[in-house]
Amino acid sequence: VQLVESGGGLVQAGGSLKLSCVASGINFRNNAMAWYRQAPGNQRELVATMTSGGSRATYGDSVKGRFFISRNSAWNTVYLQMNSLKPEDTAVYYCSTGILWGQGTQVTVSS
């Protein structure tokens, strides 16, 4: 039972990255999924959520209009497309079912 994130890296401000999170050992279709992030010295912040069926997404105020969450149940994968990245988006990004957490993937945005 695990969530494994990938796709993080170093990008210049204004650039884009797409994160992936592959779920195994869970009934992915029955789980709402979420992306969180945590920067050094900061509390963990909710970035985006998506319902189990994929019909509804919500976003944190700081990423609205720039980040987009999606999911592919055939691949047990949830994605986070991040556009117009800013240095303040630098953080470790985690996917979660609310109970199960991945190990995180580092995103660093240079100015």
N, C-alpha and C. Protein backbone atom coordinates (compact mmCIF):
# COMPACT_ATOMS: atom_id res chain seq x y z
N VAL A 1 0.87 -1.18 0.00
CA VAL A 1 0.00 0.00 0.00
C VAL A 1 0.90 1.23 0.00
N GLN A 2 0.86 2.00 -1.08
CA GLN A 2 1.72 3.17 -1.11
C GLN A 2 1.31 4.15 -2.19
N LEU A 3 1.79 5.38 -2.01
CA LEU A 3 1.69 6.44 -3.01
C LEU A 3 3.10 6.86 -3.35
N VAL A 4 3.41 6.96 -4.63
CA VAL A 4 4.75 7.34 -5.04
C VAL A 4 4.68 8.53 -5.99
N GLU A 5 5.25 9.65 -5.55
CA GLU A 5 5.26 10.86 -6.36
C GLU A 5 6.50 10.91 -7.23
N SER A 6 6.39 11.61 -8.34
CA SER A 6 7.53 11.86 -9.21
C SER A 6 7.26 13.12 -10.01
N GLY A 7 8.31 13.61 -10.70
CA GLY A 7 8.14 14.74 -11.58
C GLY A 7 8.68 16.06 -11.04
N GLY A 8 9.14 16.07 -9.80
CA GLY A 8 9.69 17.29 -9.26
C GLY A 8 11.03 17.61 -9.89
N GLY A 9 11.54 18.79 -9.57
CA GLY A 9 12.82 19.20 -10.10
C GLY A 9 13.05 20.68 -9.94
N LEU A 10 14.04 21.17 -10.65
CA LEU A 10 14.41 22.58 -10.64
C LEU A 10 13.90 23.24 -11.91
N VAL A 11 13.21 24.35 -11.76
CA VAL A 11 12.66 25.05 -12.92
C VAL A 11 12.76 26.55 -12.67
N GLN A 12 12.89 27.30 -13.74
CA GLN A 12 12.93 28.76 -13.61
C GLN A 12 11.53 29.32 -13.40
N ALA A 13 11.48 30.46 -12.76
CA ALA A 13 10.19 31.14 -12.57
C ALA A 13 9.51 31.34 -13.92
N GLY A 14 8.21 31.09 -13.94
CA GLY A 14 7.45 31.18 -15.17
C GLY A 14 7.32 29.86 -15.91
N GLY A 15 8.09 28.88 -15.49
CA GLY A 15 8.07 27.58 -16.14
C GLY A 15 6.96 26.68 -15.62
N SER A 16 6.97 25.44 -16.12
CA SER A 16 5.94 24.47 -15.77
C SER A 16 6.57 23.14 -15.36
N LEU A 17 5.84 22.42 -14.54
CA LEU A 17 6.18 21.05 -14.17
C LEU A 17 4.90 20.27 -14.03
N LYS A 18 4.98 18.97 -14.27
CA LYS A 18 3.82 18.10 -14.05
C LYS A 18 4.24 16.99 -13.10
N LEU A 19 3.59 16.95 -11.96
CA LEU A 19 3.84 15.91 -10.96
C LEU A 19 2.88 14.75 -11.18
N SER A 20 3.36 13.56 -10.86
CA SER A 20 2.55 12.36 -10.93
C SER A 20 2.59 11.65 -9.58
N CYS A 21 1.52 10.96 -9.27
CA CYS A 21 1.46 10.16 -8.05
C CYS A 21 0.76 8.86 -8.40
N VAL A 22 1.48 7.76 -8.27
CA VAL A 22 0.94 6.45 -8.59
C VAL A 22 0.56 5.74 -7.30
N ALA A 23 -0.67 5.26 -7.26
CA ALA A 23 -1.18 4.56 -6.08
C ALA A 23 -1.14 3.06 -6.31
N SER A 24 -0.79 2.33 -5.27
CA SER A 24 -0.83 0.87 -5.34
C SER A 24 -1.38 0.32 -4.03
N GLY A 25 -2.10 -0.78 -4.14
CA GLY A 25 -2.62 -1.43 -2.94
C GLY A 25 -3.86 -0.81 -2.36
N ILE A 26 -4.45 0.17 -3.05
CA ILE A 26 -5.69 0.79 -2.59
C ILE A 26 -6.70 0.74 -3.72
N ASN A 27 -7.96 0.92 -3.36
CA ASN A 27 -9.01 1.04 -4.37
C ASN A 27 -9.03 2.49 -4.83
N PHE A 28 -8.21 2.78 -5.85
CA PHE A 28 -7.98 4.16 -6.27
C PHE A 28 -9.28 4.84 -6.68
N ARG A 29 -10.15 4.10 -7.36
CA ARG A 29 -11.38 4.71 -7.88
C ARG A 29 -12.29 5.21 -6.76
N ASN A 30 -12.15 4.67 -5.56
CA ASN A 30 -13.01 5.05 -4.44
C ASN A 30 -12.41 6.12 -3.55
N ASN A 31 -11.24 6.62 -3.92
CA ASN A 31 -10.55 7.57 -3.07
C ASN A 31 -10.48 8.95 -3.70
N ALA A 32 -10.93 9.96 -2.94
CA ALA A 32 -10.57 11.32 -3.30
C ALA A 32 -9.07 11.47 -3.11
N MET A 33 -8.48 12.32 -3.93
CA MET A 33 -7.03 12.50 -3.86
C MET A 33 -6.70 13.97 -3.67
N ALA A 34 -5.55 14.22 -3.07
CA ALA A 34 -5.15 15.60 -2.82
C ALA A 34 -3.65 15.75 -2.98
N TRP A 35 -3.26 16.96 -3.31
CA TRP A 35 -1.85 17.36 -3.31
C TRP A 35 -1.66 18.40 -2.20
N TYR A 36 -0.60 18.22 -1.44
CA TYR A 36 -0.18 19.17 -0.42
C TYR A 36 1.26 19.59 -0.71
N ARG A 37 1.68 20.63 -0.06
CA ARG A 37 3.08 21.02 -0.14
C ARG A 37 3.55 21.58 1.19
N GLN A 38 4.85 21.47 1.39
CA GLN A 38 5.43 22.01 2.62
C GLN A 38 6.80 22.59 2.31
N ALA A 39 6.93 23.87 2.58
CA ALA A 39 8.20 24.56 2.43
C ALA A 39 8.91 24.57 3.78
N PRO A 40 10.23 24.69 3.78
CA PRO A 40 10.98 24.71 5.05
C PRO A 40 10.47 25.79 5.99
N GLY A 41 10.19 25.39 7.23
CA GLY A 41 9.74 26.34 8.22
C GLY A 41 8.26 26.66 8.16
N ASN A 42 7.57 26.09 7.17
CA ASN A 42 6.13 26.36 7.00
C ASN A 42 5.30 25.12 7.33
N GLN A 43 4.03 25.38 7.61
CA GLN A 43 3.11 24.26 7.80
C GLN A 43 2.74 23.66 6.45
N ARG A 44 2.30 22.41 6.50
CA ARG A 44 1.84 21.76 5.28
C ARG A 44 0.60 22.48 4.76
N GLU A 45 0.57 22.72 3.46
CA GLU A 45 -0.49 23.52 2.82
C GLU A 45 -1.23 22.67 1.80
N LEU A 46 -2.55 22.75 1.83
CA LEU A 46 -3.36 22.04 0.83
C LEU A 46 -3.27 22.78 -0.50
N VAL A 47 -2.91 22.07 -1.55
CA VAL A 47 -2.75 22.66 -2.87
C VAL A 47 -3.98 22.41 -3.73
N ALA A 48 -4.40 21.16 -3.81
CA ALA A 48 -5.52 20.82 -4.68
C ALA A 48 -6.14 19.50 -4.25
N THR A 49 -7.42 19.35 -4.52
CA THR A 49 -8.13 18.09 -4.25
C THR A 49 -8.96 17.71 -5.46
N MET A 50 -9.24 16.43 -5.56
CA MET A 50 -10.15 15.95 -6.61
C MET A 50 -10.98 14.82 -6.05
N THR A 51 -12.27 14.84 -6.37
CA THR A 51 -13.18 13.81 -5.89
C THR A 51 -12.84 12.46 -6.51
N SER A 52 -13.38 11.41 -5.93
CA SER A 52 -13.05 10.06 -6.39
C SER A 52 -13.41 9.84 -7.85
N GLY A 53 -14.52 10.43 -8.27
CA GLY A 53 -14.94 10.26 -9.65
C GLY A 53 -14.31 11.26 -10.61
N GLY A 54 -13.59 12.21 -10.08
CA GLY A 54 -12.93 13.19 -10.92
C GLY A 54 -13.82 14.32 -11.40
N SER A 55 -15.01 14.43 -10.79
CA SER A 55 -15.94 15.43 -11.30
C SER A 55 -15.72 16.82 -10.71
N ARG A 56 -15.02 16.88 -9.58
CA ARG A 56 -14.86 18.18 -8.94
C ARG A 56 -13.46 18.34 -8.39
N ALA A 57 -12.90 19.52 -8.60
CA ALA A 57 -11.58 19.85 -8.08
C ALA A 57 -11.67 21.14 -7.28
N THR A 58 -10.83 21.25 -6.28
CA THR A 58 -10.70 22.48 -5.51
C THR A 58 -9.23 22.84 -5.42
N TYR A 59 -8.96 24.12 -5.23
CA TYR A 59 -7.59 24.61 -5.23
C TYR A 59 -7.36 25.60 -4.09
N GLY A 60 -6.12 25.60 -3.59
CA GLY A 60 -5.74 26.63 -2.65
C GLY A 60 -5.68 27.98 -3.34
N ASP A 61 -5.92 29.03 -2.59
CA ASP A 61 -5.97 30.37 -3.19
C ASP A 61 -4.67 30.74 -3.89
N SER A 62 -3.56 30.29 -3.35
CA SER A 62 -2.26 30.68 -3.89
C SER A 62 -1.95 30.03 -5.24
N VAL A 63 -2.69 29.01 -5.63
CA VAL A 63 -2.39 28.31 -6.88
C VAL A 63 -3.54 28.35 -7.89
N LYS A 64 -4.66 28.94 -7.51
CA LYS A 64 -5.81 28.98 -8.42
C LYS A 64 -5.45 29.63 -9.74
N GLY A 65 -5.87 28.97 -10.81
CA GLY A 65 -5.61 29.49 -12.14
C GLY A 65 -4.24 29.13 -12.70
N ARG A 66 -3.37 28.55 -11.86
CA ARG A 66 -2.04 28.16 -12.31
C ARG A 66 -1.81 26.66 -12.23
N PHE A 67 -2.39 26.02 -11.25
CA PHE A 67 -2.22 24.58 -11.03
C PHE A 67 -3.52 23.87 -11.38
N PHE A 68 -3.37 22.64 -11.89
CA PHE A 68 -4.55 21.86 -12.28
C PHE A 68 -4.34 20.40 -11.90
N ILE A 69 -5.30 19.85 -11.18
CA ILE A 69 -5.25 18.46 -10.75
C ILE A 69 -6.09 17.62 -11.69
N SER A 70 -5.62 16.41 -11.97
CA SER A 70 -6.37 15.48 -12.79
C SER A 70 -6.04 14.06 -12.33
N ARG A 71 -6.81 13.10 -12.81
CA ARG A 71 -6.56 11.72 -12.41
C ARG A 71 -6.90 10.78 -13.55
N ASN A 72 -6.22 9.66 -13.57
CA ASN A 72 -6.46 8.61 -14.55
C ASN A 72 -6.63 7.30 -13.78
N SER A 73 -7.86 6.87 -13.65
CA SER A 73 -8.12 5.67 -12.84
C SER A 73 -7.59 4.41 -13.49
N ALA A 74 -7.44 4.42 -14.81
CA ALA A 74 -6.88 3.25 -15.49
C ALA A 74 -5.43 3.02 -15.09
N TRP A 75 -4.75 4.11 -14.73
CA TRP A 75 -3.34 4.04 -14.34
C TRP A 75 -3.13 4.26 -12.85
N ASN A 76 -4.23 4.38 -12.08
CA ASN A 76 -4.13 4.64 -10.64
C ASN A 76 -3.22 5.82 -10.34
N THR A 77 -3.39 6.87 -11.14
CA THR A 77 -2.47 8.00 -11.06
C THR A 77 -3.23 9.31 -10.93
N VAL A 78 -2.71 10.18 -10.08
CA VAL A 78 -3.21 11.55 -9.99
C VAL A 78 -2.06 12.48 -10.37
N TYR A 79 -2.41 13.54 -11.06
CA TYR A 79 -1.42 14.47 -11.60
C TYR A 79 -1.62 15.87 -11.02
N LEU A 80 -0.56 16.65 -11.06
CA LEU A 80 -0.66 18.07 -10.74
C LEU A 80 0.14 18.83 -11.79
N GLN A 81 -0.57 19.50 -12.68
CA GLN A 81 0.06 20.35 -13.68
C GLN A 81 0.27 21.71 -13.06
N MET A 82 1.52 22.16 -13.03
CA MET A 82 1.86 23.42 -12.39
C MET A 82 2.43 24.37 -13.45
N ASN A 83 1.74 25.47 -13.66
CA ASN A 83 2.15 26.45 -14.66
C ASN A 83 2.48 27.78 -13.99
N SER A 84 3.17 28.62 -14.72
CA SER A 84 3.53 29.96 -14.21
C SER A 84 4.12 29.88 -12.82
N LEU A 85 5.07 28.99 -12.66
CA LEU A 85 5.64 28.74 -11.34
C LEU A 85 6.38 29.96 -10.81
N LYS A 86 6.29 30.12 -9.49
CA LYS A 86 6.91 31.24 -8.79
C LYS A 86 7.89 30.69 -7.75
N PRO A 87 8.87 31.47 -7.36
CA PRO A 87 9.80 31.00 -6.32
C PRO A 87 9.08 30.56 -5.04
N GLU A 88 7.97 31.19 -4.73
CA GLU A 88 7.24 30.81 -3.52
C GLU A 88 6.51 29.48 -3.65
N ASP A 89 6.53 28.88 -4.82
CA ASP A 89 5.99 27.54 -5.00
C ASP A 89 7.01 26.46 -4.60
N THR A 90 8.22 26.88 -4.30
CA THR A 90 9.25 25.93 -3.88
C THR A 90 8.84 25.21 -2.60
N ALA A 91 8.82 23.89 -2.65
CA ALA A 91 8.37 23.08 -1.51
C ALA A 91 8.53 21.61 -1.87
N VAL A 92 8.32 20.77 -0.88
CA VAL A 92 8.14 19.34 -1.13
C VAL A 92 6.64 19.12 -1.35
N TYR A 93 6.31 18.46 -2.42
CA TYR A 93 4.91 18.21 -2.79
C TYR A 93 4.56 16.76 -2.48
N TYR A 94 3.43 16.59 -1.82
CA TYR A 94 2.97 15.27 -1.40
C TYR A 94 1.58 14.99 -1.98
N CYS A 95 1.35 13.75 -2.37
CA CYS A 95 -0.03 13.36 -2.65
C CYS A 95 -0.55 12.55 -1.48
N SER A 96 -1.87 12.54 -1.35
CA SER A 96 -2.46 11.90 -0.18
C SER A 96 -3.90 11.51 -0.46
N THR A 97 -4.33 10.44 0.21
CA THR A 97 -5.74 10.09 0.23
C THR A 97 -6.42 10.70 1.44
N GLY A 98 -5.65 11.37 2.27
CA GLY A 98 -6.13 11.88 3.54
C GLY A 98 -5.68 11.02 4.69
N ILE A 99 -5.40 9.76 4.36
CA ILE A 99 -4.88 8.83 5.36
C ILE A 99 -3.49 8.37 4.95
N LEU A 100 -3.37 8.00 3.71
CA LEU A 100 -2.10 7.51 3.16
C LEU A 100 -1.36 8.68 2.52
N TRP A 101 -0.03 8.72 2.74
CA TRP A 101 0.81 9.80 2.20
C TRP A 101 1.97 9.22 1.41
N GLY A 102 2.35 9.96 0.35
CA GLY A 102 3.56 9.60 -0.35
C GLY A 102 4.78 10.17 0.34
N GLN A 103 5.95 9.91 -0.25
CA GLN A 103 7.20 10.35 0.36
C GLN A 103 7.54 11.78 -0.03
N GLY A 104 6.88 12.30 -1.04
CA GLY A 104 7.09 13.66 -1.47
C GLY A 104 8.08 13.78 -2.61
N THR A 105 7.96 14.86 -3.37
CA THR A 105 8.89 15.17 -4.44
C THR A 105 9.21 16.66 -4.36
N GLN A 106 10.49 16.97 -4.48
CA GLN A 106 10.95 18.35 -4.30
C GLN A 106 10.74 19.17 -5.57
N VAL A 107 10.15 20.33 -5.41
CA VAL A 107 10.02 21.30 -6.49
C VAL A 107 10.75 22.57 -6.06
N THR A 108 11.68 22.99 -6.90
CA THR A 108 12.45 24.21 -6.62
C THR A 108 12.30 25.15 -7.81
N VAL A 109 11.85 26.36 -7.53
CA VAL A 109 11.65 27.36 -8.57
C VAL A 109 12.65 28.48 -8.35
N SER A 110 13.51 28.69 -9.32
CA SER A 110 14.53 29.73 -9.21
C SER A 110 14.02 31.04 -9.81
N SER A 111 14.49 32.14 -9.25
CA SER A 111 14.03 33.46 -9.72
C SER A 111 14.94 33.98 -10.82
